[in-house]
Amino acid sequence: MPEETHTTQGIIPVRHFPALLAQAGSLPSLIVNAGETAAEKFLEFFTAQIRNRNTREAYARAVGQFMNWCEKRGLFLPSIRPVHVAAYIEKLPLSPPTVKQHLAAIRMLFDWLVVSQVIAMNPGAAVRGPKYVVKRGKTLGTELAIFAGGPGRECSQP
């Protein structure tokens, strides 16, 4: 009996989709309009390149928001440039770590699309994220004292 191959918007056979995406039948129109290879590589990025489920979901949300932002501005996948990524990142009303995560997701996706020869360059590669420094406590002094054998003792070398 032949395998059923319904298509989503006439682009990709459903048998190639992960179950969740096949049910939803939704890919960003930016990706769908870029063609079958772009859609295949987009799905491959989220299924084969990101193993952790939580990371996959967070990156999917981040990329989805960026794709929506691009679509509202009439951009197409090959026309996205660093200035577009920078403008998007600059206006995100999120905490610096979350903005950095969004930028990481965008960079990784576009890296994958470049390696897969879907687009020529990664528009996120040159974009810098917000500065975010995590300040740590002063536990290092205690750790060094313990490593050295206690306060006032020097560590002997073999």
Protein backbone atom coordinates (compact mmCIF):
# COMPACT_ATOMS: atom_id res chain seq x y z
CA MET A 1 0.00 0.00 0.00
CA PRO A 2 1.55 3.37 -0.99
CA GLU A 3 2.51 5.78 1.76
CA GLU A 4 0.17 8.74 2.10
CA THR A 5 1.94 12.01 1.30
CA HIS A 6 -0.35 14.93 2.06
CA THR A 7 1.36 18.24 1.64
CA THR A 8 1.35 21.38 3.70
CA GLN A 9 0.68 24.32 1.39
CA GLY A 10 1.88 22.12 -1.49
CA ILE A 11 5.52 22.32 -0.43
CA ILE A 12 6.74 19.34 1.61
CA PRO A 13 5.29 15.87 2.08
CA VAL A 14 3.97 15.50 5.62
CA ARG A 15 5.89 12.24 6.06
CA HIS A 16 9.04 14.38 6.34
CA PHE A 17 7.69 16.53 9.19
CA PRO A 18 8.02 15.83 12.87
CA ALA A 19 4.57 14.87 14.17
CA LEU A 20 3.90 18.19 15.92
CA LEU A 21 4.67 20.34 12.91
CA ALA A 22 2.68 18.05 10.64
CA GLN A 23 -0.37 18.49 12.86
CA ALA A 24 0.05 22.24 13.07
CA GLY A 25 0.96 22.44 9.40
CA SER A 26 2.56 25.78 10.08
CA LEU A 27 5.91 26.98 8.94
CA PRO A 28 6.74 30.67 8.77
CA SER A 29 5.68 31.98 5.38
CA LEU A 30 9.19 33.41 5.00
CA ILE A 31 10.48 29.82 4.96
CA VAL A 32 7.66 28.39 2.85
CA ASN A 33 8.11 31.14 0.24
CA ALA A 34 11.84 30.38 0.06
CA GLY A 35 11.08 26.93 -1.34
CA GLU A 36 11.15 23.26 -0.51
CA THR A 37 14.85 23.11 0.38
CA ALA A 38 14.51 26.01 2.81
CA ALA A 39 11.52 24.37 4.48
CA GLU A 40 13.30 21.03 4.72
CA LYS A 41 16.45 22.58 6.21
CA PHE A 42 14.38 24.69 8.62
CA LEU A 43 12.73 21.56 9.99
CA GLU A 44 16.04 19.71 9.99
CA PHE A 45 17.59 22.47 12.10
CA PHE A 46 14.99 22.06 14.84
CA THR A 47 14.86 18.28 14.74
CA ALA A 48 18.43 17.18 14.08
CA GLN A 49 20.61 20.05 15.26
CA ILE A 50 19.11 20.85 18.67
CA ARG A 51 18.88 17.81 20.90
CA ASN A 52 17.57 19.39 24.11
CA ARG A 53 13.78 19.72 24.02
CA ASN A 54 13.70 22.89 26.15
CA THR A 55 16.33 24.59 24.00
CA ARG A 56 14.49 23.51 20.87
CA GLU A 57 11.24 25.05 22.14
CA ALA A 58 12.92 28.29 23.25
CA TYR A 59 14.75 28.63 19.92
CA ALA A 60 11.56 27.86 17.99
CA ARG A 61 9.76 30.67 19.85
CA ALA A 62 12.64 33.07 19.27
CA VAL A 63 12.97 32.27 15.57
CA GLY A 64 9.18 32.36 15.13
CA GLN A 65 9.00 35.85 16.63
CA PHE A 66 11.84 37.04 14.40
CA MET A 67 10.23 35.52 11.29
CA ASN A 68 6.93 37.24 12.19
CA TRP A 69 8.76 40.54 12.62
CA CYS A 70 10.38 40.10 9.18
CA GLU A 71 7.09 39.16 7.51
CA LYS A 72 5.37 42.29 8.89
CA ARG A 73 8.10 44.35 7.25
CA GLY A 74 7.76 42.62 3.88
CA LEU A 75 11.15 40.90 4.03
CA PHE A 76 12.01 37.67 2.24
CA LEU A 77 14.54 35.12 3.48
CA PRO A 78 17.34 36.07 1.05
CA SER A 79 16.78 39.80 1.67
CA ILE A 80 17.38 39.69 5.44
CA ARG A 81 20.54 41.63 6.31
CA PRO A 82 22.48 42.35 9.52
CA VAL A 83 20.71 45.69 9.85
CA HIS A 84 17.36 43.86 10.08
CA VAL A 85 18.60 41.46 12.76
CA ALA A 86 20.16 44.36 14.68
CA ALA A 87 16.94 46.40 14.51
CA TYR A 88 14.93 43.43 15.78
CA ILE A 89 17.36 42.68 18.63
CA GLU A 90 17.56 46.36 19.61
CA LYS A 91 13.80 46.64 20.09
CA LEU A 92 13.15 43.38 21.94
CA PRO A 93 11.47 44.26 25.26
CA LEU A 94 13.11 41.36 27.09
CA SER A 95 15.87 40.88 29.65
CA PRO A 96 19.46 40.85 28.32
CA PRO A 97 19.89 37.06 28.79
CA THR A 98 16.67 36.42 26.85
CA VAL A 99 17.71 38.83 24.09
CA LYS A 100 21.06 37.00 23.88
CA GLN A 101 19.17 33.70 23.59
CA HIS A 102 17.03 35.11 20.76
CA LEU A 103 20.16 36.27 18.95
CA ALA A 104 21.82 32.88 19.47
CA ALA A 105 18.77 31.13 17.98
CA ILE A 106 18.75 33.45 14.95
CA ARG A 107 22.49 33.05 14.41
CA MET A 108 22.36 29.26 14.69
CA LEU A 109 19.43 28.96 12.28
CA PHE A 110 21.07 31.18 9.69
CA ASP A 111 24.39 29.36 10.14
CA TRP A 112 22.57 26.13 9.34
CA LEU A 113 20.85 27.70 6.32
CA VAL A 114 24.23 28.94 5.03
CA VAL A 115 25.90 25.54 5.52
CA SER A 116 22.90 23.94 3.80
CA GLN A 117 23.29 26.38 0.89
CA VAL A 118 19.83 27.87 1.28
CA ILE A 119 21.14 31.43 1.72
CA ALA A 120 24.53 32.99 0.96
CA MET A 121 25.37 34.68 4.26
CA ASN A 122 24.38 34.74 7.93
CA PRO A 123 22.79 38.12 8.70
CA GLY A 124 23.05 37.49 12.45
CA ALA A 125 26.78 36.80 12.51
CA ALA A 126 27.87 40.45 12.69
CA VAL A 127 25.20 41.55 15.18
CA ARG A 128 26.25 42.07 18.77
CA GLY A 129 23.91 41.33 21.62
CA PRO A 130 23.41 43.37 24.76
CA LYS A 131 26.17 43.42 27.33
CA TYR A 132 25.33 41.25 30.29
CA VAL A 133 27.79 40.51 33.08
CA VAL A 134 27.02 38.07 35.86
CA LYS A 135 28.61 39.18 39.11
CA ARG A 136 29.74 36.38 41.39
CA GLY A 137 30.32 36.37 45.12
CA LYS A 138 33.74 36.34 46.73
CA THR A 139 33.87 32.60 47.35
CA LEU A 140 37.10 32.24 45.41
CA GLY A 141 39.17 33.33 48.42
CA THR A 142 37.70 30.55 50.55
CA GLU A 143 38.20 27.98 47.79
CA LEU A 144 41.86 28.99 47.44
CA ALA A 145 42.39 28.73 51.19
CA ILE A 146 40.95 25.22 51.20
CA PHE A 147 42.98 24.23 48.12
CA ALA A 148 46.17 25.56 49.71
CA GLY A 149 45.61 23.49 52.83
CA GLY A 150 44.01 26.13 55.00
CA PRO A 151 44.66 29.74 55.89
CA GLY A 152 48.33 30.62 56.26
CA ARG A 153 49.64 27.45 54.57
CA GLU A 154 51.23 27.43 51.18
CA CYS A 155 50.51 24.76 48.62
CA SER A 156 53.53 22.57 47.96
CA GLN A 157 54.32 21.59 44.41
CA PRO A 158 55.46 18.08 43.46
